C-alpha atoms as a PDB file:
ATOM      1  CA  MET A   1      16.758  -3.325   4.526  1.00  0.00           C
ATOM      2  CA  ASP A   2      13.393  -1.556   4.501  1.00  0.00           C
ATOM      3  CA  ARG A   3      10.305  -3.677   4.181  1.00  0.00           C
ATOM      4  CA  ALA A   4       8.157  -3.456   1.109  1.00  0.00           C
ATOM      5  CA  ARG A   5       5.377  -0.896   1.348  1.00  0.00           C
ATOM      6  CA  PRO A   6       2.059  -1.289  -0.449  1.00  0.00           C
ATOM      7  CA  PRO A   7       1.125   1.180  -3.179  1.00  0.00           C
ATOM      8  CA  ASP A   8      -0.602   4.301  -1.819  1.00  0.00           C
ATOM      9  CA  ASP A   9      -3.724   3.581  -3.862  1.00  0.00           C
ATOM     10  CA  ILE A  10      -4.117  -0.101  -2.915  1.00  0.00           C
ATOM     11  CA  THR A  11      -7.622  -1.061  -1.872  1.00  0.00           C
ATOM     12  CA  PRO A  12      -8.138  -2.675   1.520  1.00  0.00           C
ATOM     13  CA  HIS A  13      -9.471  -5.761  -0.303  1.00  0.00           C
ATOM     14  CA  ASP A  14      -6.303  -6.153  -2.372  1.00  0.00           C
ATOM     15  CA  PHE A  15      -4.098  -5.409   0.624  1.00  0.00           C
ATOM     16  CA  PHE A  16      -5.669  -7.957   2.964  1.00  0.00           C
ATOM     17  CA  THR A  17      -6.405 -10.720   0.457  1.00  0.00           C
ATOM     18  CA  CYS A  18      -3.223 -10.554  -1.634  1.00  0.00           C
ATOM     19  CA  TRP A  19      -0.555  -7.979  -0.892  1.00  0.00           C
ATOM     20  CA  ILE A  20       0.178  -8.597   2.799  1.00  0.00           C
ATOM     21  CA  CYS A  21       0.051 -12.370   2.357  1.00  0.00           C
ATOM     22  CA  GLU A  22       2.611 -12.233  -0.458  1.00  0.00           C
ATOM     23  CA  ALA A  23       4.798  -9.652   1.322  1.00  0.00           C
ATOM     24  CA  VAL A  24       5.084 -11.845   4.408  1.00  0.00           C
ATOM     25  CA  ALA A  25       5.645 -15.004   2.346  1.00  0.00           C
ATOM     26  CA  VAL A  26       8.778 -13.526   0.729  1.00  0.00           C
ATOM     27  CA  ASP A  27      10.113 -11.798   3.878  1.00  0.00           C
ATOM     28  CA  ALA A  28      12.116 -14.359   5.869  1.00  0.00           C
ATOM     29  CA  GLU A  29      12.574 -11.939   8.766  1.00  0.00           C
ATOM     30  CA  ARG A  30       8.823 -11.378   9.191  1.00  0.00           C
ATOM     31  CA  ARG A  31       8.195 -15.122   9.015  1.00  0.00           C
ATOM     32  CA  ARG A  32      10.907 -15.749  11.611  1.00  0.00           C
ATOM     33  CA  ARG A  33       9.445 -13.140  13.956  1.00  0.00           C
ATOM     34  CA  LEU A  34       5.945 -14.561  13.576  1.00  0.00           C
ATOM     35  CA  GLY A  35       7.416 -17.917  14.560  1.00  0.00           C
ATOM     36  CA  ASP A  36       4.826 -20.286  15.931  1.00  0.00           C
ATOM     37  CA  THR A  37       2.078 -17.650  16.278  1.00  0.00           C
ATOM     38  CA  VAL A  38      -1.327 -19.102  15.459  1.00  0.00           C
ATOM     39  CA  ALA A  39      -4.058 -16.471  15.446  1.00  0.00           C
ATOM     40  CA  THR A  40      -6.937 -14.870  13.606  1.00  0.00           C
ATOM     41  CA  ILE A  41      -7.093 -11.092  13.457  1.00  0.00           C
ATOM     42  CA  ILE A  42     -10.114  -9.160  12.211  1.00  0.00           C
ATOM     43  CA  PHE A  43      -9.529  -5.704  10.760  1.00  0.00           C
ATOM     44  CA  ASP A  44     -12.570  -3.461  10.790  1.00  0.00           C
ATOM     45  CA  LEU A  45     -11.815  -0.478   8.530  1.00  0.00           C
ATOM     46  CA  GLY A  46     -14.277   2.364   8.864  1.00  0.00           C
ATOM     47  CA  GLY A  47     -15.002   5.054   6.333  1.00  0.00           C
ATOM     48  CA  ASP A  48     -15.122   5.309   2.567  1.00  0.00           C
ATOM     49  CA  GLY A  49     -13.670   2.200   0.925  1.00  0.00           C
ATOM     50  CA  GLY A  50     -13.413   0.325   4.212  1.00  0.00           C
ATOM     51  CA  GLY A  51     -14.715  -3.075   5.158  1.00  0.00           C
ATOM     52  CA  VAL A  52     -14.018  -6.063   7.347  1.00  0.00           C
ATOM     53  CA  TYR A  53     -11.108  -8.406   6.605  1.00  0.00           C
ATOM     54  CA  SER A  54      -9.491 -11.271   8.455  1.00  0.00           C
ATOM     55  CA  LEU A  55      -5.922 -12.497   8.581  1.00  0.00           C
ATOM     56  CA  ARG A  56      -5.211 -16.044   9.715  1.00  0.00           C
ATOM     57  CA  ILE A  57      -1.617 -16.474  10.902  1.00  0.00           C
ATOM     58  CA  SER A  58      -0.040 -19.913  11.088  1.00  0.00           C
ATOM     59  CA  GLU A  59       3.407 -21.408  10.466  1.00  0.00           C
ATOM     60  CA  GLY A  60       4.874 -17.964   9.750  1.00  0.00           C
ATOM     61  CA  LEU A  61       2.455 -17.289   6.900  1.00  0.00           C
ATOM     62  CA  ILE A  62      -0.707 -15.230   6.519  1.00  0.00           C
ATOM     63  CA  VAL A  63      -3.921 -15.966   4.656  1.00  0.00           C
ATOM     64  CA  GLY A  64      -6.307 -13.048   4.209  1.00  0.00           C
ATOM     65  CA  THR A  65     -10.021 -13.148   3.499  1.00  0.00           C
ATOM     66  CA  PRO A  66     -12.853 -10.646   3.256  1.00  0.00           C
ATOM     67  CA  GLY A  67     -15.280 -10.732   6.166  1.00  0.00           C
ATOM     68  CA  PRO A  68     -14.859 -11.797   9.768  1.00  0.00           C
ATOM     69  CA  LEU A  69     -13.436 -15.230  10.600  1.00  0.00           C
ATOM     70  CA  LEU A  70     -14.662 -16.418  13.960  1.00  0.00           C
ATOM     71  CA  PRO A  71     -13.488 -17.128  16.502  1.00  0.00           C
ATOM     72  CA  SER A  72     -10.836 -14.428  16.392  1.00  0.00           C
ATOM     73  CA  ASN A  73      -8.052 -13.579  18.797  1.00  0.00           C
ATOM     74  CA  LEU A  74      -7.986  -9.863  18.078  1.00  0.00           C
ATOM     75  CA  ARG A  75     -10.149  -7.228  16.431  1.00  0.00           C
ATOM     76  CA  VAL A  76      -8.476  -4.058  15.144  1.00  0.00           C
ATOM     77  CA  ARG A  77     -10.701  -1.056  14.495  1.00  0.00           C
ATOM     78  CA  VAL A  78      -9.192   1.714  12.401  1.00  0.00           C
ATOM     79  CA  ASP A  79     -10.414   4.187   9.813  1.00  0.00           C
ATOM     80  CA  VAL A  80      -9.193   3.961   6.220  1.00  0.00           C
ATOM     81  CA  GLU A  81      -7.261   7.249   6.446  1.00  0.00           C
ATOM     82  CA  THR A  82      -5.262   6.034   9.472  1.00  0.00           C
ATOM     83  CA  TRP A  83      -4.724   2.632   7.840  1.00  0.00           C
ATOM     84  CA  ARG A  84      -3.206   4.372   4.805  1.00  0.00           C
ATOM     85  CA  LEU A  85      -0.935   6.498   7.019  1.00  0.00           C
ATOM     86  CA  LEU A  86       0.254   3.360   8.799  1.00  0.00           C
ATOM     87  CA  ASN A  87       0.939   1.597   5.492  1.00  0.00           C
ATOM     88  CA  ARG A  88       2.943   4.590   4.225  1.00  0.00           C
ATOM     89  CA  GLY A  89       4.988   4.731   7.393  1.00  0.00           C
ATOM     90  CA  ALA A  90       3.752   8.297   7.989  1.00  0.00           C
ATOM     91  CA  LEU A  91       2.263   7.223  11.338  1.00  0.00           C
ATOM     92  CA  SER A  92       3.688   4.643  13.724  1.00  0.00           C
ATOM     93  CA  ALA A  93       1.480   1.983  15.242  1.00  0.00           C
ATOM     94  CA  PRO A  94       2.284   3.038  18.838  1.00  0.00           C
ATOM     95  CA  GLU A  95       1.471   6.663  18.009  1.00  0.00           C
ATOM     96  CA  ALA A  96      -1.805   5.669  16.332  1.00  0.00           C
ATOM     97  CA  PHE A  97      -2.744   3.593  19.364  1.00  0.00           C
ATOM     98  CA  LEU A  98      -1.866   6.377  21.827  1.00  0.00           C
ATOM     99  CA  ARG A  99      -3.899   8.863  19.779  1.00  0.00           C
ATOM    100  CA  ARG A 100      -6.800   6.374  19.847  1.00  0.00           C
ATOM    101  CA  ARG A 101      -6.843   6.143  16.085  1.00  0.00           C
ATOM    102  CA  VAL A 102      -6.492   2.364  16.410  1.00  0.00           C
ATOM    103  CA  ARG A 103      -8.588   0.365  18.860  1.00  0.00           C
ATOM    104  CA  LEU A 104      -7.810  -3.195  19.872  1.00  0.00           C
ATOM    105  CA  GLU A 105     -10.282  -5.728  21.250  1.00  0.00           C
ATOM    106  CA  GLY A 106      -9.092  -9.115  22.431  1.00  0.00           C
ATOM    107  CA  ASP A 107      -5.536 -10.381  22.849  1.00  0.00           C
ATOM    108  CA  PHE A 108      -3.587  -7.206  23.572  1.00  0.00           C
ATOM    109  CA  LEU A 109      -0.226  -9.025  23.465  1.00  0.00           C
ATOM    110  CA  LEU A 110      -1.026 -10.170  19.951  1.00  0.00           C
ATOM    111  CA  GLY A 111      -1.781  -6.533  19.156  1.00  0.00           C
ATOM    112  CA  LEU A 112       1.800  -5.718  20.109  1.00  0.00           C
ATOM    113  CA  LYS A 113       2.981  -8.069  17.333  1.00  0.00           C
ATOM    114  CA  LEU A 114       0.998  -6.280  14.617  1.00  0.00           C
ATOM    115  CA  HIS A 115       4.014  -4.238  13.571  1.00  0.00           C
ATOM    116  CA  LEU A 116       5.700  -7.533  12.676  1.00  0.00           C
ATOM    117  CA  ILE A 117       2.927  -8.219  10.193  1.00  0.00           C
ATOM    118  CA  LEU A 118       2.069  -4.785   8.865  1.00  0.00           C
ATOM    119  CA  GLY A 119       5.079  -2.694   9.848  1.00  0.00           C
END
């Protein structure tokens, strides 16, 4: 079964504070794969409509907030256009990383799990 995809016109604010949290909450497979991961990830979206958002992962669930939550385990820097392509499935996370359209700072192994959250 394919995972739910956010609407193409969703704002980063709505995505990080509502949509992804709800999508993970109702997806037993994502929650299982997240397992006992406890982490805070900051997403720094550059460009028009971007901003900084944080996801706190714990007990297989995600809580999203605007702004940076510190300390964080990982910071993901990406432009809004690339973020939209990733959400649509038009660009894979590994491809975006190899093309340097996504930059990771911090726990690289946690970065490898991002597709479990956003994929």
